Structure formats: structure tokens, C-alpha cells
Amino acid sequence: MARLLYSAGYEIYAADSTYATVCILSRFVNKFIKLPAPTCPDYKNDLCKVLRDYKIDILIPTCEEIFYISQFKSELEKYSYVFCDTHEKLIYLHDKWSFYNYLKQANILTPVTQLADKTACKWKENKIIKPRFSRFASKIIFSNKIPSDKVNKKYLVQEFVKGQQICSYALVKDGKIISQCVYKPVLTAGKGAGILMKRISHTQAEKITEKISKNFNFTGQIAFDFIETQNGDLYTIECNPRTTSGLGFIGRDLLKLLLKNDNLKIKSPSAIVSCLGVLSYAISQPIKTIRARKILFTATDFISIKQDSLAWFAQIPIVIWWFLKGLFFGGPTAASTADIEFNGGPF
């Protein structure tokens, strides 16, 4: 994202609540700014100061800080255009229970889901037990019994659907799709986050993305997770109304949406990869990695480019840091979002 906006003539200022980010050494980033965690009382004032002092034109939230930023979006917009939708809309889509109820109402196929405190505690077959608010498929349990500490309104019990995971990502303005892509995660970091992804053609997934974006009159970045069964049924699982890896496939169209500029000659890759991510997780999924070798060797590493080599090498100490921190947070992906997670409530 930083490289794309830089290529369009913008100065890029990256801000985060951690120094463990590749942007800190990217030559395309003019300055890195350390912010407190979004849950801190000073976060809003510090972010407003950054926008004012550096005369920022566009603020683009990327991960779950979007749910905090959207709460005071009107104050931020005194200084910058904030590329996200309203807090109420984002939370409705992010909350797996409210999104499930929307899908039922809209007649969109989705696995049968119940609040954990409104269902039996044990079943004959395994089901998915997961929080209403989560990310990267973290904290998911596959079991035929609910742990006693999860029998509450914070957790859901969902029918298990066997099939191929499929993801979509779209850039949307006032409910109209500007650009979208559909892809399948070939290799993942743990249960969810993709580290090798292949773009595919999938009309049904595209139509669902279009329908939901239109129904919510959505503006921003929106992504969906699906499961496709062997007989071709497509189940919509959940929504992520923020940046995802799909940006790597249609990033140039971000310029078309925000800057009315799509003249850059940037080829859209058919597969994208985090090479260091694959190396880090290959030992835990050796067979899958070997089977994916053809896609792996033709994929574009979205971190590695010759003009920005320091950003790639910065990954090494950063990955080590998140793996070490992950020992105390249930894994590296959980550790990397611990201070920016939005988990809703009270329920």
C-alpha cells in the first residue's frame, strides 16, 4: 500500500503501536510514527496531532485499529479524509453473530450458528466453537463439547462444513464495487492467515460480495471468507471490513478509488506469497508445502522488491520477535494483534 501510494506521488507516513513493522525500514515510507495502543486514552489525541502536524491528506486504517478509529472518525476528518465506513456498520459486519443473522435474512447460504449459551453443551459430531469477535481463525476450537468457560454470549457454536476455503477482497465506494478479487489460501500461518494465495475466478463469491456491499451501502475495504463444498455449495462464513492480503492482487485499483489515478503500469499477480512466512511455517506443514511448490515458485513475494530490500530483511528480527511474544499470547498472529484487537461487548 505504501509503495503504491508513493508511486502516485504521495509522501507516506506510517503509524503503529509497535516498532515491529517492516514499514520502519522501507525507503518508500517518509517517516514512521510510534503511537500508543488504540485502547489507550491518548490514542485519539495523538493520532489527531499526527494528521494535523504532518498535513496528512488520507488516513487508511489497515487492521483492527479501524474499529477504534471509526469511533472518532468525525474528529479525524477535520484534518484528513478517513477511508473507512461508520463504526456501527463496521461492528455489525465484524460481529459474527449479527453478520450471521444478516446472512439468514438475506437468504445467503451460511452454516447453522447459535450463541454458545443457547445450545446443548455436547453433540455427536464435532462443531466449530469460536468467539463472536476474532481474527486469523484464532481461538477456534473444533470439538463435540463446549468448554465450560465458553458457555456465554461471547462465543458461537457453528455447524462444521467440509470444503475448500475461499476468500474475497473488494474496494467499495457507496455500495459500488470499484475492484475485487477472489483467491484461495494455499498455505496458511496456523489455522487462518494466508501466506501463499492463488487468485481464482469465482462468479458466485463475487456476486455475494456485490450484494452485501450494496445492501450496506458500504465504503472502504471489505473481505469475506467462504467454504465451498465438493458439490459446489458456497457457504459464507464471516466478514472482515478492513485490509486483507487480497490487496496484493488488486492494489493498483486503490489509486483509482482514492486518487482517481490508475495510469500506473503494475501487473496484477496470479499468486502472492510471504516467502519468510512459508519458511517459518514449512516445518509444521511439510506435505502441503511440497504440494504447493509449483504455485510457490511462480508467486510474487509482496514484501520483496529490489528497490526496497531493507524492508525484506527487517522481517527476520520482526518474525523472531512475534514468535517469541507468541509464546505468551497463544501464537505469533495472536501476539501481533493483541494491542489492537476489538472484541466487542458488553454482551
Protein backbone atom coordinates (compact mmCIF):
# COMPACT_ATOMS: atom_id res chain seq x y z
CA MET A 1 0.00 0.00 0.00
CA ALA A 2 2.82 2.39 0.92
CA ARG A 3 4.66 1.62 -2.30
CA LEU A 4 1.56 2.11 -4.44
CA LEU A 5 0.75 5.49 -2.93
CA TYR A 6 4.39 6.53 -3.17
CA SER A 7 4.39 5.62 -6.86
CA ALA A 8 1.44 8.01 -7.31
CA GLY A 9 3.49 10.88 -5.91
CA TYR A 10 2.40 10.86 -2.26
CA GLU A 11 4.57 11.15 0.84
CA ILE A 12 3.88 8.17 3.09
CA TYR A 13 3.71 8.34 6.88
CA ALA A 14 3.24 5.00 8.64
CA ALA A 15 1.98 4.81 12.22
CA ASP A 16 1.64 1.82 14.52
CA SER A 17 1.57 0.89 18.19
CA THR A 18 4.69 -1.27 17.73
CA TYR A 19 8.13 -0.84 16.20
CA ALA A 20 7.94 -4.42 14.89
CA THR A 21 6.82 -3.46 11.38
CA VAL A 22 8.54 -3.64 8.00
CA CYS A 23 7.44 -0.06 7.25
CA ILE A 24 10.02 1.22 9.70
CA LEU A 25 12.84 0.43 7.22
CA SER A 26 11.03 0.89 3.92
CA ARG A 27 12.55 3.54 1.68
CA PHE A 28 9.05 4.34 0.45
CA VAL A 29 7.94 5.49 3.90
CA ASN A 30 8.85 9.10 4.65
CA LYS A 31 8.52 8.71 8.42
CA PHE A 32 7.40 6.11 10.93
CA ILE A 33 5.42 7.35 13.94
CA LYS A 34 5.01 5.31 17.13
CA LEU A 35 1.51 5.62 18.58
CA PRO A 36 0.06 4.24 21.82
CA ALA A 37 -2.29 1.27 21.57
CA PRO A 38 -5.79 2.23 20.33
CA THR A 39 -7.19 1.29 23.74
CA CYS A 40 -5.10 3.99 25.44
CA PRO A 41 -6.79 7.31 26.34
CA ASP A 42 -4.09 9.27 24.45
CA TYR A 43 -4.58 7.43 21.16
CA LYS A 44 -7.19 9.77 19.68
CA ASN A 45 -5.36 12.99 20.56
CA ASP A 46 -2.00 11.62 19.39
CA LEU A 47 -3.46 10.50 16.06
CA CYS A 48 -5.19 13.85 15.54
CA LYS A 49 -1.87 15.58 16.24
CA VAL A 50 -0.10 13.42 13.65
CA LEU A 51 -2.71 14.26 10.99
CA ARG A 52 -2.51 17.96 11.82
CA ASP A 53 1.29 18.27 12.17
CA TYR A 54 2.14 16.32 9.03
CA LYS A 55 -0.78 17.66 6.97
CA ILE A 56 -1.99 14.16 6.11
CA ASP A 57 -4.45 14.06 3.17
CA ILE A 58 -5.70 10.48 3.51
CA LEU A 59 -5.78 8.17 6.53
CA ILE A 60 -6.10 4.47 5.69
CA PRO A 61 -6.67 2.11 8.64
CA THR A 62 -5.49 -1.40 7.79
CA CYS A 63 -6.08 -3.80 10.69
CA GLU A 64 -8.35 -3.80 13.74
CA GLU A 65 -7.39 -0.28 14.75
CA ILE A 66 -10.12 0.58 12.23
CA PHE A 67 -12.77 -0.24 14.85
CA TYR A 68 -11.31 2.34 17.24
CA ILE A 69 -10.58 4.96 14.58
CA SER A 70 -14.13 4.75 13.25
CA GLN A 71 -15.45 5.76 16.70
CA PHE A 72 -13.95 9.24 16.33
CA LYS A 73 -13.88 9.42 12.55
CA SER A 74 -15.72 12.77 12.51
CA GLU A 75 -12.97 14.37 14.63
CA LEU A 76 -10.21 12.95 12.41
CA GLU A 77 -11.96 14.23 9.30
CA LYS A 78 -11.29 17.79 10.42
CA TYR A 79 -7.75 17.11 9.20
CA SER A 80 -7.89 14.21 6.70
CA TYR A 81 -10.12 12.02 4.59
CA VAL A 82 -10.58 8.76 6.55
CA PHE A 83 -11.01 5.75 4.28
CA CYS A 84 -13.46 3.64 6.26
CA ASP A 85 -17.17 3.38 6.97
CA THR A 86 -19.08 4.20 10.15
CA HIS A 87 -18.34 2.45 13.43
CA GLU A 88 -21.85 0.97 13.64
CA LYS A 89 -21.63 -0.55 10.19
CA LEU A 90 -18.13 -1.97 10.73
CA ILE A 91 -19.08 -3.58 14.05
CA TYR A 92 -22.26 -5.10 12.60
CA LEU A 93 -20.16 -6.80 9.90
CA HIS A 94 -17.31 -7.71 12.25
CA ASP A 95 -19.58 -9.33 14.87
CA LYS A 96 -20.02 -12.91 13.65
CA TRP A 97 -23.41 -13.23 15.35
CA SER A 98 -25.01 -10.11 13.85
CA PHE A 99 -23.46 -10.95 10.46
CA TYR A 100 -24.87 -14.49 10.66
CA ASN A 101 -28.36 -13.11 11.32
CA TYR A 102 -27.98 -10.76 8.36
CA LEU A 103 -26.98 -13.65 6.09
CA LYS A 104 -30.06 -15.63 7.11
CA GLN A 105 -32.31 -12.63 6.47
CA ALA A 106 -30.66 -12.02 3.08
CA ASN A 107 -31.05 -15.71 2.08
CA ILE A 108 -27.29 -16.17 1.70
CA LEU A 109 -26.14 -19.74 2.45
CA THR A 110 -24.24 -19.96 5.73
CA PRO A 111 -23.61 -22.70 8.34
CA VAL A 112 -26.21 -23.01 11.11
CA THR A 113 -24.92 -20.99 14.06
CA GLN A 114 -26.08 -20.47 17.65
CA LEU A 115 -24.93 -18.49 20.66
CA ALA A 116 -22.95 -20.79 22.94
CA ASP A 117 -25.32 -20.18 25.86
CA LYS A 118 -28.37 -21.16 23.79
CA THR A 119 -27.28 -24.61 22.63
CA ALA A 120 -26.55 -28.04 24.05
CA CYS A 121 -23.09 -28.45 25.59
CA LYS A 122 -22.32 -31.72 23.79
CA TRP A 123 -23.08 -33.24 20.36
CA LYS A 124 -22.46 -36.43 18.42
CA GLU A 125 -20.38 -34.62 15.78
CA ASN A 126 -17.66 -32.01 16.14
CA LYS A 127 -18.64 -28.38 15.67
CA ILE A 128 -16.79 -25.09 15.40
CA ILE A 129 -16.66 -23.09 18.63
CA LYS A 130 -15.37 -19.56 18.17
CA PRO A 131 -15.59 -16.05 19.62
CA ARG A 132 -18.03 -13.57 18.10
CA PHE A 133 -15.01 -11.30 17.59
CA SER A 134 -11.78 -12.87 16.38
CA ARG A 135 -9.24 -12.70 13.55
CA PHE A 136 -6.86 -15.02 11.64
CA ALA A 137 -9.00 -18.01 12.72
CA SER A 138 -7.51 -17.63 16.19
CA LYS A 139 -9.15 -19.09 19.32
CA ILE A 140 -11.21 -21.53 17.23
CA ILE A 141 -12.00 -24.92 18.79
CA PHE A 142 -13.09 -27.99 16.82
CA SER A 143 -14.86 -30.23 19.29
CA ASN A 144 -18.08 -32.05 20.21
CA LYS A 145 -18.19 -30.28 23.58
CA ILE A 146 -18.15 -26.65 24.72
CA PRO A 147 -15.59 -25.80 27.42
CA SER A 148 -17.45 -24.54 30.49
CA ASP A 149 -15.77 -21.11 30.37
CA LYS A 150 -17.16 -20.54 26.86
CA VAL A 151 -20.84 -21.17 27.58
CA ASN A 152 -21.79 -17.49 27.21
CA LYS A 153 -22.87 -14.90 24.65
CA LYS A 154 -19.26 -14.12 23.68
CA TYR A 155 -18.96 -17.45 21.84
CA LEU A 156 -20.74 -19.11 18.93
CA VAL A 157 -21.29 -22.74 18.00
CA GLN A 158 -21.28 -23.28 14.25
CA GLU A 159 -22.03 -26.29 12.08
CA PHE A 160 -18.84 -27.69 10.55
CA VAL A 161 -18.82 -27.54 6.75
CA LYS A 162 -16.11 -29.52 4.97
CA GLY A 163 -14.65 -27.97 1.86
CA GLN A 164 -12.18 -25.57 0.25
CA GLN A 165 -11.57 -22.22 1.91
CA ILE A 166 -12.08 -19.28 -0.44
CA CYS A 167 -11.57 -15.57 0.25
CA SER A 168 -12.69 -12.38 -1.45
CA TYR A 169 -11.45 -8.80 -1.12
CA ALA A 170 -13.01 -5.66 -2.56
CA LEU A 171 -12.61 -1.91 -2.75
CA VAL A 172 -16.02 -0.30 -2.45
CA LYS A 173 -17.44 3.22 -2.71
CA ASP A 174 -21.04 3.98 -1.70
CA GLY A 175 -22.06 0.35 -2.18
CA LYS A 176 -20.50 0.08 -5.64
CA ILE A 177 -17.64 -2.35 -6.26
CA ILE A 178 -14.65 -0.50 -7.70
CA SER A 179 -12.49 -3.61 -7.86
CA GLN A 180 -12.49 -7.09 -6.33
CA CYS A 181 -10.66 -10.39 -6.39
CA VAL A 182 -11.30 -13.94 -5.22
CA TYR A 183 -8.47 -16.20 -4.10
CA LYS A 184 -7.77 -19.37 -2.20
CA PRO A 185 -5.19 -19.70 0.60
CA VAL A 186 -2.81 -22.47 -0.47
CA LEU A 187 -0.63 -22.24 2.67
CA THR A 188 -1.52 -20.56 5.95
CA ALA A 189 0.20 -19.36 9.11
CA GLY A 190 -1.55 -21.57 11.63
CA LYS A 191 -5.28 -22.02 11.04
CA GLY A 192 -6.17 -18.90 9.12
CA ALA A 193 -3.80 -16.17 7.90
CA GLY A 194 -2.72 -16.82 4.31
CA ILE A 195 0.99 -16.86 3.43
CA LEU A 196 0.60 -18.30 -0.10
CA MET A 197 -2.51 -17.33 -2.05
CA LYS A 198 -3.66 -18.05 -5.59
CA ARG A 199 -6.15 -15.86 -7.42
CA ILE A 200 -9.13 -17.70 -8.90
CA SER A 201 -12.27 -16.95 -10.87
CA HIS A 202 -15.46 -17.37 -8.84
CA THR A 203 -18.62 -15.62 -10.03
CA GLN A 204 -20.76 -16.71 -7.07
CA ALA A 205 -18.36 -15.27 -4.48
CA GLU A 206 -18.15 -12.02 -6.48
CA LYS A 207 -21.95 -11.73 -6.58
CA ILE A 208 -22.22 -12.23 -2.82
CA THR A 209 -19.62 -9.50 -2.25
CA GLU A 210 -21.55 -7.20 -4.58
CA LYS A 211 -24.88 -7.92 -2.86
CA ILE A 212 -23.62 -7.31 0.68
CA SER A 213 -21.68 -4.16 -0.30
CA LYS A 214 -24.80 -2.77 -1.96
CA ASN A 215 -27.11 -3.72 0.93
CA PHE A 216 -24.90 -1.88 3.42
CA ASN A 217 -24.09 1.00 1.05
CA PHE A 218 -20.53 0.24 2.13
CA THR A 219 -17.44 2.38 1.60
CA GLY A 220 -13.94 1.07 2.23
CA GLN A 221 -12.21 -2.29 2.10
CA ILE A 222 -14.27 -5.41 2.67
CA ALA A 223 -13.36 -9.10 2.65
CA PHE A 224 -15.23 -12.37 3.08
CA ASP A 225 -14.34 -15.94 3.97
CA PHE A 226 -16.23 -18.79 2.28
CA ILE A 227 -16.24 -22.58 2.29
CA GLU A 228 -17.03 -24.35 -1.00
CA THR A 229 -18.17 -27.96 -0.69
CA GLN A 230 -17.42 -30.73 -3.19
CA ASN A 231 -20.89 -30.43 -4.69
CA GLY A 232 -20.39 -26.70 -5.36
CA ASP A 233 -22.35 -25.16 -2.48
CA LEU A 234 -20.77 -21.91 -1.30
CA TYR A 235 -21.16 -21.08 2.40
CA THR A 236 -20.43 -17.52 3.53
CA ILE A 237 -18.61 -17.75 6.86
CA GLU A 238 -17.58 -14.29 8.02
CA CYS A 239 -16.71 -10.72 7.04
CA ASN A 240 -13.55 -8.66 7.59
CA PRO A 241 -14.32 -4.99 6.80
CA ARG A 242 -10.66 -3.98 6.55
CA THR A 243 -7.44 -4.60 4.63
CA THR A 244 -6.52 -8.23 3.94
CA SER A 245 -3.91 -9.99 1.81
CA GLY A 246 -6.25 -9.57 -1.17
CA LEU A 247 -4.81 -6.08 -1.57
CA GLY A 248 -1.79 -7.78 -3.13
CA PHE A 249 -3.91 -8.80 -6.13
CA ILE A 250 -5.75 -5.54 -6.87
CA GLY A 251 -3.65 -2.92 -5.09
CA ARG A 252 -3.37 -0.62 -8.09
CA ASP A 253 -7.12 -0.07 -8.02
CA LEU A 254 -6.72 1.62 -4.64
CA LEU A 255 -5.22 4.52 -6.58
CA LYS A 256 -8.21 4.52 -8.91
CA LEU A 257 -10.55 4.77 -5.93
CA LEU A 258 -8.71 7.27 -3.73
CA LEU A 259 -6.73 9.33 -6.21
CA LYS A 260 -8.69 8.94 -9.46
CA ASN A 261 -5.39 7.74 -10.90
CA ASP A 262 -4.96 4.28 -12.44
CA ASN A 263 -2.34 5.02 -15.08
CA LEU A 264 0.47 3.10 -13.42
CA LYS A 265 1.58 0.00 -15.30
CA ILE A 266 1.52 -2.53 -12.46
CA LYS A 267 0.89 -6.14 -13.37
CA SER A 268 -1.65 -7.97 -11.22
CA PRO A 269 -0.07 -11.22 -9.94
CA SER A 270 -1.79 -14.60 -10.18
CA ALA A 271 -0.32 -15.71 -6.85
CA ILE A 272 1.24 -13.86 -3.92
CA VAL A 273 3.44 -15.17 -1.13
CA SER A 274 5.27 -14.22 2.02
CA CYS A 275 8.45 -16.22 1.44
CA LEU A 276 9.65 -15.77 5.01
CA GLY A 277 6.20 -16.81 6.22
CA VAL A 278 6.40 -20.01 4.18
CA LEU A 279 9.89 -20.75 5.53
CA SER A 280 8.68 -20.13 9.08
CA TYR A 281 5.70 -22.49 8.83
CA ALA A 282 7.03 -25.12 6.38
CA ILE A 283 8.21 -27.35 9.22
CA SER A 284 4.63 -27.61 10.54
CA GLN A 285 3.09 -28.37 7.14
CA PRO A 286 5.80 -30.08 5.04
CA ILE A 287 3.47 -32.12 2.80
CA LYS A 288 1.27 -29.12 1.94
CA THR A 289 4.38 -27.02 1.22
CA ILE A 290 5.80 -29.66 -1.14
CA ARG A 291 2.47 -29.99 -2.95
CA ALA A 292 2.29 -26.21 -3.37
CA ARG A 293 5.78 -25.93 -4.88
CA LYS A 294 4.58 -25.08 -8.43
CA ILE A 295 2.47 -22.17 -7.19
CA LEU A 296 5.17 -21.18 -4.71
CA PHE A 297 7.88 -20.80 -7.35
CA THR A 298 5.71 -18.62 -9.59
CA ALA A 299 4.20 -16.42 -6.84
CA THR A 300 5.12 -12.79 -6.24
CA ASP A 301 6.59 -12.01 -2.82
CA PHE A 302 4.66 -8.90 -1.79
CA ILE A 303 7.44 -7.77 0.59
CA SER A 304 10.47 -8.38 -1.60
CA ILE A 305 11.41 -5.91 -4.31
CA LYS A 306 14.94 -4.83 -5.27
CA GLN A 307 14.27 -1.16 -4.60
CA ASP A 308 13.23 -1.86 -1.00
CA SER A 309 15.48 -4.67 0.19
CA LEU A 310 15.82 -3.36 3.76
CA ALA A 311 12.10 -3.91 4.30
CA TRP A 312 12.53 -7.61 3.42
CA PHE A 313 15.49 -8.09 5.78
CA ALA A 314 13.58 -6.25 8.52
CA GLN A 315 11.15 -9.16 8.50
CA ILE A 316 13.72 -11.51 10.04
CA PRO A 317 14.07 -9.89 13.50
CA ILE A 318 10.37 -8.95 13.39
CA VAL A 319 9.25 -12.55 12.77
CA ILE A 320 11.55 -13.78 15.55
CA TRP A 321 10.08 -11.15 17.89
CA TRP A 322 6.47 -12.16 17.16
CA PHE A 323 7.27 -15.86 17.55
CA LEU A 324 8.85 -15.19 20.94
CA LYS A 325 6.00 -12.93 22.04
CA GLY A 326 3.57 -15.52 20.72
CA LEU A 327 4.74 -17.94 23.43
CA PHE A 328 2.76 -15.79 25.87
CA PHE A 329 -0.19 -14.87 23.62
CA GLY A 330 -1.21 -18.15 22.00
CA GLY A 331 0.88 -17.83 18.84
CA PRO A 332 2.58 -15.14 16.73
CA THR A 333 -0.54 -13.98 14.86
CA ALA A 334 -2.45 -13.54 18.13
CA ALA A 335 0.52 -11.67 19.62
CA SER A 336 0.73 -9.31 16.64
CA THR A 337 -2.82 -8.04 17.19
CA ALA A 338 -3.03 -8.21 21.00
CA ASP A 339 -2.96 -4.43 21.47
CA ILE A 340 -5.29 -3.50 18.58
CA GLU A 341 -7.97 -6.18 18.82
CA PHE A 342 -11.59 -5.10 19.04
CA ASN A 343 -13.60 -7.77 20.84
CA GLY A 344 -16.94 -6.06 21.28
CA GLY A 345 -19.05 -6.14 24.41
CA PRO A 346 -20.55 -5.87 26.83
CA PHE A 347 -22.85 -8.73 25.80
